[in-house]
Amino acid sequence: MTTPEPIYSTAIALGRTLFGALRLKPSIVGAENLPDTGGAVLAITHFGYLDFALVEWRMWHHNRRHIRFLARKGAFRQPLVGALLRGMRHISVDMTSGEAAYTEAVAALRAGEILGVFPEGGVNASFTVRELKTGSARMAAEAGVPIIPVAVWGGHRLLTKNRKPSLRRALGIPVSFAVGQPFMVAVADDASADTRGLHDTLQGLVDGLQASYSVPGTGQWWQPAHLGGTAPTHAVAARVEAERQRRLAMERSDKS
């Protein structure tokens, strides 16, 4: 029997209300690959800040399961947000030393939890899958659970990096999901090779979603450059992010 989780259930209800009010138009392929039981790593693309909520929305709709997400330690320090994250049993990640989070994540997987991971790291403003970190493969191998690739397209039009949100532009946005075939990795495998394979799979899922998306993206900020959009390339996005981090570091230094 599933243990009641009132905080998580309330958060899901609020998310469903928000997405309903925005009249989002979800579509999903491969929903049958979302597991009804047992542990698994959901390796998710990360083009928008609401990807975690959108994927949980579709998981809840499919089988009512909850996802445990890895979240930055700083978010747990915020009074309200931190209380919510702890109440939903998400996992705090110290970006300078991730050993504790890794151990907790593996334990959760072995206990049959679904773990949501964004292997690209932070939100990716190029809207094509960049180089992935190996944590997803290593955790899945150690816990003996499958990796399930998940691509989200359209969610970044709601809220993403370097763009001010607009309620008017958010109304009625199509949000597409593609869930790939689960696959197993072994501790003896080369985690880097497994991660490169995961990258190619995720990019293939994204390519399919972009090709079938119901809104033309030519000339649009939310479309990647190689498809005729005005989103920055990987290289340009990396330079912009480096400059943003430099400014933030200077601001923190000025306050200290």
Protein backbone atom coordinates (compact mmCIF):
# COMPACT_ATOMS: atom_id res chain seq x y z
CA MET A 1 0.00 0.00 0.00
CA THR A 2 1.35 3.45 -0.91
CA THR A 3 2.06 5.71 2.04
CA PRO A 4 0.01 8.93 1.87
CA GLU A 5 2.06 12.03 1.09
CA PRO A 6 -0.17 15.05 1.72
CA ILE A 7 2.46 17.66 0.79
CA TYR A 8 3.29 15.98 -2.51
CA SER A 9 -0.39 15.41 -3.26
CA THR A 10 -1.13 19.07 -2.59
CA ALA A 11 1.74 20.18 -4.85
CA ILE A 12 0.44 17.97 -7.65
CA ALA A 13 -3.07 19.38 -7.24
CA LEU A 14 -1.69 22.91 -7.47
CA GLY A 15 0.33 22.00 -10.56
CA ARG A 16 -2.69 20.44 -12.24
CA THR A 17 -4.70 23.57 -11.46
CA LEU A 18 -1.99 25.82 -12.91
CA PHE A 19 -1.50 23.78 -16.08
CA GLY A 20 -5.25 23.52 -16.50
CA ALA A 21 -5.66 27.28 -16.11
CA LEU A 22 -2.98 27.79 -18.76
CA ARG A 23 -4.89 25.37 -21.03
CA LEU A 24 -1.69 23.52 -21.89
CA LYS A 25 -2.04 20.89 -24.61
CA PRO A 26 -0.04 17.82 -23.54
CA SER A 27 0.79 14.90 -25.79
CA ILE A 28 2.96 11.91 -25.02
CA VAL A 29 4.51 9.02 -26.88
CA GLY A 30 5.93 6.03 -25.05
CA ALA A 31 3.86 6.46 -21.87
CA GLU A 32 3.84 2.68 -21.55
CA ASN A 33 7.56 2.91 -20.72
CA LEU A 34 6.81 4.72 -17.45
CA PRO A 35 7.08 2.00 -14.77
CA ASP A 36 4.11 1.20 -12.57
CA THR A 37 6.32 -0.47 -9.95
CA GLY A 38 9.96 -0.59 -8.93
CA GLY A 39 12.85 1.82 -9.06
CA ALA A 40 14.12 3.59 -12.17
CA VAL A 41 16.14 6.64 -13.17
CA LEU A 42 14.23 9.08 -15.37
CA ALA A 43 16.92 10.92 -17.36
CA ILE A 44 15.14 14.09 -18.49
CA THR A 45 16.06 16.85 -20.92
CA HIS A 46 16.29 20.28 -19.29
CA PHE A 47 15.24 23.17 -21.51
CA GLY A 48 12.86 24.86 -19.05
CA TYR A 49 12.54 25.48 -15.33
CA LEU A 50 9.18 23.68 -15.10
CA ASP A 51 10.33 20.41 -16.69
CA PHE A 52 10.28 18.65 -13.32
CA ALA A 53 6.65 19.64 -12.68
CA LEU A 54 5.56 18.80 -16.22
CA VAL A 55 7.08 15.31 -16.08
CA GLU A 56 5.57 14.65 -12.66
CA TRP A 57 2.21 15.82 -14.07
CA ARG A 58 2.40 13.19 -16.80
CA MET A 59 3.62 10.50 -14.40
CA TRP A 60 0.73 11.22 -12.04
CA HIS A 61 -1.71 11.14 -14.94
CA HIS A 62 -0.31 7.78 -16.07
CA ASN A 63 -0.05 5.84 -12.82
CA ARG A 64 -0.22 8.23 -9.82
CA ARG A 65 3.42 7.61 -8.87
CA HIS A 66 5.63 10.27 -7.34
CA ILE A 67 9.11 11.18 -8.59
CA ARG A 68 12.00 12.07 -6.27
CA PHE A 69 14.06 14.80 -7.92
CA LEU A 70 17.63 15.82 -7.25
CA ALA A 71 17.63 19.54 -6.39
CA ARG A 72 20.40 22.01 -5.59
CA LYS A 73 21.22 22.43 -1.91
CA GLY A 74 20.59 26.17 -2.11
CA ALA A 75 16.91 25.59 -2.81
CA PHE A 76 16.58 23.60 0.41
CA ARG A 77 17.84 26.63 2.36
CA GLN A 78 14.85 28.75 1.30
CA PRO A 79 12.25 28.76 4.10
CA LEU A 80 9.13 27.88 2.10
CA VAL A 81 10.69 26.11 -0.88
CA GLY A 82 12.98 24.09 1.37
CA ALA A 83 10.07 22.92 3.51
CA LEU A 84 8.22 21.81 0.38
CA LEU A 85 11.24 19.99 -1.04
CA ARG A 86 11.82 18.15 2.22
CA GLY A 87 8.12 17.34 2.55
CA MET A 88 8.13 15.87 -0.97
CA ARG A 89 11.28 13.88 -0.09
CA HIS A 90 13.38 15.31 -2.88
CA ILE A 91 17.14 14.93 -2.56
CA SER A 92 19.50 17.81 -1.79
CA VAL A 93 22.64 18.04 -3.92
CA ASP A 94 25.74 19.90 -2.79
CA MET A 95 27.34 20.92 -6.10
CA THR A 96 30.80 20.99 -4.47
CA SER A 97 30.52 17.48 -3.02
CA GLY A 98 27.76 15.21 -4.25
CA GLU A 99 28.66 12.01 -2.40
CA ALA A 100 25.87 12.25 0.18
CA ALA A 101 23.23 12.93 -2.48
CA TYR A 102 24.56 10.06 -4.60
CA THR A 103 24.31 7.63 -1.67
CA GLU A 104 20.80 8.79 -0.80
CA ALA A 105 19.69 8.53 -4.43
CA VAL A 106 20.99 4.96 -4.80
CA ALA A 107 19.23 3.97 -1.56
CA ALA A 108 15.97 5.47 -2.85
CA LEU A 109 16.28 3.56 -6.12
CA ARG A 110 16.92 0.30 -4.30
CA ALA A 111 13.82 0.98 -2.20
CA GLY A 112 11.74 1.13 -5.40
CA GLU A 113 11.54 4.90 -5.90
CA ILE A 114 11.47 6.74 -9.22
CA LEU A 115 14.37 9.20 -9.39
CA GLY A 116 14.18 12.24 -11.67
CA VAL A 117 17.58 13.40 -12.93
CA PHE A 118 18.58 16.18 -15.34
CA PRO A 119 21.91 14.86 -16.64
CA GLU A 120 22.64 18.07 -18.57
CA GLY A 121 23.00 19.86 -15.24
CA GLY A 122 21.30 23.26 -15.35
CA VAL A 123 18.72 24.55 -17.80
CA ASN A 124 20.06 24.43 -21.37
CA ALA A 125 19.32 27.55 -23.42
CA SER A 126 20.43 26.06 -26.76
CA PHE A 127 17.42 23.68 -26.79
CA THR A 128 19.56 20.84 -28.11
CA VAL A 129 20.92 18.19 -25.75
CA ARG A 130 24.39 19.13 -24.54
CA GLU A 131 27.04 16.87 -23.01
CA LEU A 132 25.67 14.83 -20.11
CA LYS A 133 27.07 14.08 -16.68
CA THR A 134 27.61 10.38 -15.87
CA GLY A 135 25.66 10.31 -12.60
CA SER A 136 22.49 8.81 -14.11
CA ALA A 137 24.36 5.81 -15.50
CA ARG A 138 26.43 5.28 -12.36
CA MET A 139 23.42 5.45 -10.01
CA ALA A 140 21.31 3.15 -12.17
CA ALA A 141 24.14 0.61 -12.41
CA GLU A 142 24.83 0.59 -8.67
CA ALA A 143 21.14 0.29 -7.77
CA GLY A 144 20.42 -2.30 -10.47
CA VAL A 145 17.54 -0.35 -12.01
CA PRO A 146 16.81 0.81 -15.57
CA ILE A 147 17.40 4.22 -17.08
CA ILE A 148 14.39 5.68 -18.87
CA PRO A 149 15.11 8.59 -21.26
CA VAL A 150 12.47 11.35 -21.21
CA ALA A 151 12.36 14.32 -23.58
CA VAL A 152 10.15 17.38 -23.06
CA TRP A 153 9.47 19.92 -25.79
CA GLY A 154 7.40 23.08 -25.42
CA GLY A 155 7.74 23.42 -21.66
CA HIS A 156 10.57 25.89 -22.11
CA ARG A 157 8.10 28.29 -23.73
CA LEU A 158 6.52 28.69 -20.25
CA LEU A 159 9.63 29.49 -18.25
CA THR A 160 13.28 29.21 -19.19
CA LYS A 161 16.65 30.85 -18.81
CA ASN A 162 17.21 34.44 -20.01
CA ARG A 163 13.53 34.97 -20.90
CA LYS A 164 10.87 36.86 -18.97
CA PRO A 165 7.69 34.77 -18.58
CA SER A 166 4.49 36.00 -20.18
CA LEU A 167 1.07 34.76 -19.12
CA ARG A 168 -0.44 35.75 -22.46
CA ARG A 169 2.16 33.82 -24.47
CA ALA A 170 1.87 30.81 -22.14
CA LEU A 171 -1.82 30.20 -22.77
CA GLY A 172 -2.59 27.10 -24.83
CA ILE A 173 1.02 26.05 -25.43
CA PRO A 174 1.45 22.49 -26.73
CA VAL A 175 3.82 20.48 -24.52
CA SER A 176 5.12 17.24 -25.97
CA PHE A 177 6.72 14.32 -24.15
CA ALA A 178 8.60 11.29 -25.46
CA VAL A 179 9.50 8.41 -23.15
CA GLY A 180 12.15 6.10 -24.52
CA GLN A 181 12.67 2.39 -23.97
CA PRO A 182 14.12 1.51 -20.54
CA PHE A 183 17.63 0.07 -20.65
CA MET A 184 19.93 -1.47 -18.09
CA VAL A 185 23.55 -0.60 -17.40
CA ALA A 186 26.04 -2.60 -15.35
CA VAL A 187 28.63 -1.54 -12.80
CA ALA A 188 31.30 -3.10 -15.02
CA ASP A 189 30.22 -0.97 -17.99
CA ASP A 190 32.00 2.18 -19.12
CA ALA A 191 29.78 4.91 -17.61
CA SER A 192 31.06 7.45 -20.13
CA ALA A 193 30.09 5.23 -23.06
CA ASP A 194 26.66 4.55 -21.54
CA THR A 195 26.20 8.29 -21.05
CA ARG A 196 27.10 9.05 -24.66
CA GLY A 197 24.50 6.52 -25.72
CA LEU A 198 21.95 8.18 -23.44
CA HIS A 199 22.79 11.54 -24.98
CA ASP A 200 22.17 10.24 -28.50
CA THR A 201 18.90 8.65 -27.42
CA LEU A 202 17.66 11.86 -25.78
CA GLN A 203 18.62 13.94 -28.81
CA GLY A 204 16.79 11.48 -31.05
CA LEU A 205 13.66 11.81 -28.91
CA VAL A 206 13.96 15.61 -29.02
CA ASP A 207 14.41 15.54 -32.80
CA GLY A 208 11.19 13.56 -33.12
CA LEU A 209 9.24 15.93 -30.89
CA GLN A 210 10.55 18.98 -32.74
CA ALA A 211 9.68 17.47 -36.12
CA SER A 212 6.09 16.74 -35.08
CA TYR A 213 5.48 19.89 -33.03
CA SER A 214 2.24 21.57 -34.03
CA VAL A 215 3.58 25.16 -34.00
CA PRO A 216 6.11 26.33 -36.65
CA GLY A 217 9.34 27.44 -35.01
CA THR A 218 11.22 29.18 -37.82
CA GLY A 219 12.51 32.51 -36.55
CA GLN A 220 11.27 31.85 -33.01
CA TRP A 221 13.40 32.31 -29.88
CA TRP A 222 12.36 28.89 -28.59
CA GLN A 223 13.55 27.00 -31.69
CA PRO A 224 17.19 25.80 -31.88
CA ALA A 225 19.47 27.45 -34.41
CA HIS A 226 19.91 24.36 -36.59
CA LEU A 227 16.14 24.29 -37.20
CA GLY A 228 15.91 27.95 -38.18
CA GLY A 229 15.24 29.42 -34.76
CA THR A 230 17.09 32.19 -32.97
CA ALA A 231 18.12 30.23 -29.86
CA PRO A 232 21.87 30.40 -29.19
CA THR A 233 24.17 27.58 -30.18
CA HIS A 234 25.88 25.49 -27.49
CA ALA A 235 29.00 27.64 -27.70
CA VAL A 236 27.16 30.95 -27.44
CA ALA A 237 24.90 29.68 -24.64
CA ALA A 238 27.98 28.52 -22.71
CA ARG A 239 29.59 31.96 -23.00
CA VAL A 240 26.41 33.70 -21.86
CA GLU A 241 26.09 31.35 -18.90
CA ALA A 242 29.73 31.85 -17.92
CA GLU A 243 29.20 35.61 -17.92
CA ARG A 244 26.02 35.23 -15.85
CA GLN A 245 27.85 33.11 -13.29
CA ARG A 246 30.66 35.69 -13.16
CA ARG A 247 28.17 38.47 -12.41
CA LEU A 248 26.47 36.40 -9.71
CA ALA A 249 29.82 35.65 -8.10
CA MET A 250 30.67 39.36 -8.07
CA GLU A 251 27.30 40.21 -6.52
CA ARG A 252 27.81 37.61 -3.79
CA SER A 253 31.31 38.96 -3.16
CA ASP A 254 29.98 42.52 -2.86
CA LYS A 255 27.42 41.41 -0.26
CA SER A 256 29.89 39.51 1.87
